[in-house]
Amino acid sequence: MKLKEIFKISGLPVVIASLCCLSPLVLVLLGLSTASFAGSLADTLYGEYKWFFCVAGLVALMAALVVYLRREKGICTLDEAKKRRQEIINIFLVTFIVGVLGYIFFLYVVVHYAGVFAGVWEDYF
């Protein structure tokens, strides 16, 4: 499996899982919200609903993985899945690990510093 394919599978689910803090930032950057409202919204979404976004990202990752296995690898039947079980497990583990690491990097580095730059939240480090 190539690195480009891994990022293609896990890219959108990482963004979906990060929407708890990304959506208030997008509202500010589009001029639809003030920084104080976006900060309050980010606190609410991250504090109370973070796990809903993580579950949505995980569901999106599983859906992307199923689509990838069916279209790119041609694994459409249970018999074919049983024959290529080890390959499916390896692809799942790699995409899951890349997805988790991508989520951590995107949310806690990219979105955080973009929010600090936009003035939505403060940098305490």
Protein backbone atom coordinates (compact mmCIF):
# COMPACT_ATOMS: atom_id res chain seq x y z
CA MET A 1 0.00 0.00 0.00
CA LYS A 2 1.38 3.38 -0.98
CA LEU A 3 1.52 6.38 1.32
CA LYS A 4 -0.68 8.37 -1.06
CA GLU A 5 -3.41 5.73 -0.80
CA ILE A 6 -3.24 5.75 2.99
CA PHE A 7 -3.66 9.53 3.13
CA LYS A 8 -6.44 9.31 0.56
CA ILE A 9 -8.34 6.89 2.78
CA SER A 10 -7.73 8.66 6.10
CA GLY A 11 -7.76 12.33 5.04
CA LEU A 12 -11.48 13.09 5.07
CA PRO A 13 -12.18 11.09 8.26
CA VAL A 14 -9.47 13.08 10.06
CA VAL A 15 -11.15 16.33 9.01
CA ILE A 16 -14.58 15.01 10.07
CA ALA A 17 -13.24 14.02 13.49
CA SER A 18 -11.64 17.47 13.87
CA LEU A 19 -14.78 19.44 13.05
CA CYS A 20 -15.38 20.15 16.73
CA CYS A 21 -12.68 22.80 16.61
CA LEU A 22 -12.34 23.33 12.88
CA SER A 23 -15.90 24.51 12.25
CA PRO A 24 -15.74 27.54 14.63
CA LEU A 25 -12.43 28.49 13.04
CA VAL A 26 -13.93 28.30 9.56
CA LEU A 27 -16.83 30.49 10.70
CA VAL A 28 -14.39 33.17 11.83
CA LEU A 29 -12.26 32.95 8.71
CA LEU A 30 -15.35 33.32 6.51
CA GLY A 31 -16.48 36.34 8.54
CA LEU A 32 -19.70 34.68 9.71
CA SER A 33 -18.85 34.75 13.41
CA THR A 34 -16.92 36.75 15.95
CA ALA A 35 -13.85 35.33 17.60
CA SER A 36 -15.49 35.30 21.02
CA PHE A 37 -18.53 33.34 19.78
CA ALA A 38 -16.28 30.91 17.90
CA GLY A 39 -14.16 30.38 21.02
CA SER A 40 -17.27 29.68 23.05
CA LEU A 41 -18.61 27.33 20.37
CA ALA A 42 -15.27 25.51 20.20
CA ASP A 43 -15.25 25.09 23.98
CA THR A 44 -18.78 23.66 23.90
CA LEU A 45 -18.18 21.35 20.94
CA TYR A 46 -14.81 20.14 22.18
CA GLY A 47 -15.88 19.79 25.79
CA GLU A 48 -19.28 18.13 25.49
CA TYR A 49 -19.45 16.67 21.99
CA LYS A 50 -15.86 15.69 21.19
CA TRP A 51 -16.63 11.97 21.31
CA PHE A 52 -19.47 12.33 18.81
CA PHE A 53 -17.05 13.84 16.32
CA CYS A 54 -14.49 11.12 17.02
CA VAL A 55 -17.09 8.41 16.45
CA ALA A 56 -18.22 10.12 13.24
CA GLY A 57 -14.60 10.20 12.07
CA LEU A 58 -14.17 6.52 12.91
CA VAL A 59 -17.36 5.62 11.01
CA ALA A 60 -16.12 7.67 8.04
CA LEU A 61 -12.76 5.86 8.22
CA MET A 62 -14.48 2.47 8.18
CA ALA A 63 -16.67 3.53 5.23
CA ALA A 64 -13.64 4.82 3.32
CA LEU A 65 -11.82 1.57 4.04
CA VAL A 66 -14.74 -0.54 2.77
CA VAL A 67 -14.98 1.55 -0.39
CA TYR A 68 -11.23 1.25 -0.93
CA LEU A 69 -11.23 -2.51 -0.44
CA ARG A 70 -14.16 -2.98 -2.81
CA ARG A 71 -13.04 -0.63 -5.58
CA GLU A 72 -9.26 -0.76 -5.51
CA LYS A 73 -8.58 -4.25 -4.18
CA GLY A 74 -11.62 -6.02 -5.62
CA ILE A 75 -12.65 -7.62 -2.32
CA CYS A 76 -16.43 -7.81 -2.70
CA THR A 77 -17.45 -11.19 -1.30
CA LEU A 78 -17.00 -12.84 2.07
CA ASP A 79 -15.09 -15.70 0.45
CA GLU A 80 -12.62 -13.25 -1.05
CA ALA A 81 -12.35 -11.48 2.32
CA LYS A 82 -11.60 -14.79 4.05
CA LYS A 83 -8.86 -15.58 1.54
CA ARG A 84 -7.25 -12.16 1.92
CA ARG A 85 -7.90 -11.75 5.63
CA GLN A 86 -4.30 -10.91 6.57
CA GLU A 87 -4.11 -8.21 3.88
CA ILE A 88 -7.37 -6.66 5.12
CA ILE A 89 -6.11 -6.68 8.72
CA ASN A 90 -2.83 -5.04 7.70
CA ILE A 91 -4.59 -2.34 5.67
CA PHE A 92 -7.00 -1.69 8.55
CA LEU A 93 -4.20 -1.38 11.12
CA VAL A 94 -2.11 0.94 8.96
CA THR A 95 -5.03 3.23 8.08
CA PHE A 96 -6.26 3.27 11.69
CA ILE A 97 -2.82 4.21 13.04
CA VAL A 98 -2.33 6.87 10.36
CA GLY A 99 -5.84 8.16 11.03
CA VAL A 100 -5.25 8.48 14.77
CA LEU A 101 -1.85 10.13 14.31
CA GLY A 102 -3.29 12.41 11.60
CA TYR A 103 -6.15 13.38 13.93
CA ILE A 104 -3.77 14.24 16.75
CA PHE A 105 -1.47 16.25 14.48
CA PHE A 106 -4.26 18.03 12.59
CA LEU A 107 -6.36 18.92 15.63
CA TYR A 108 -3.69 19.71 18.19
CA VAL A 109 -1.12 21.33 15.90
CA VAL A 110 -2.66 22.62 12.67
CA VAL A 111 -6.09 23.68 13.93
CA HIS A 112 -4.72 24.93 17.25
CA TYR A 113 -2.13 27.23 15.72
CA ALA A 114 -4.52 28.36 12.98
CA GLY A 115 -6.95 29.30 15.77
CA VAL A 116 -4.24 31.16 17.66
CA PHE A 117 -3.28 32.99 14.47
CA ALA A 118 -6.93 33.93 13.80
CA GLY A 119 -7.40 35.07 17.40
CA VAL A 120 -10.09 32.53 18.25
CA TRP A 121 -8.25 31.11 21.24
CA GLU A 122 -5.06 31.93 23.09
CA ASP A 123 -1.81 30.04 23.12
CA TYR A 124 -0.97 28.93 26.65
CA PHE A 125 2.30 27.21 25.81
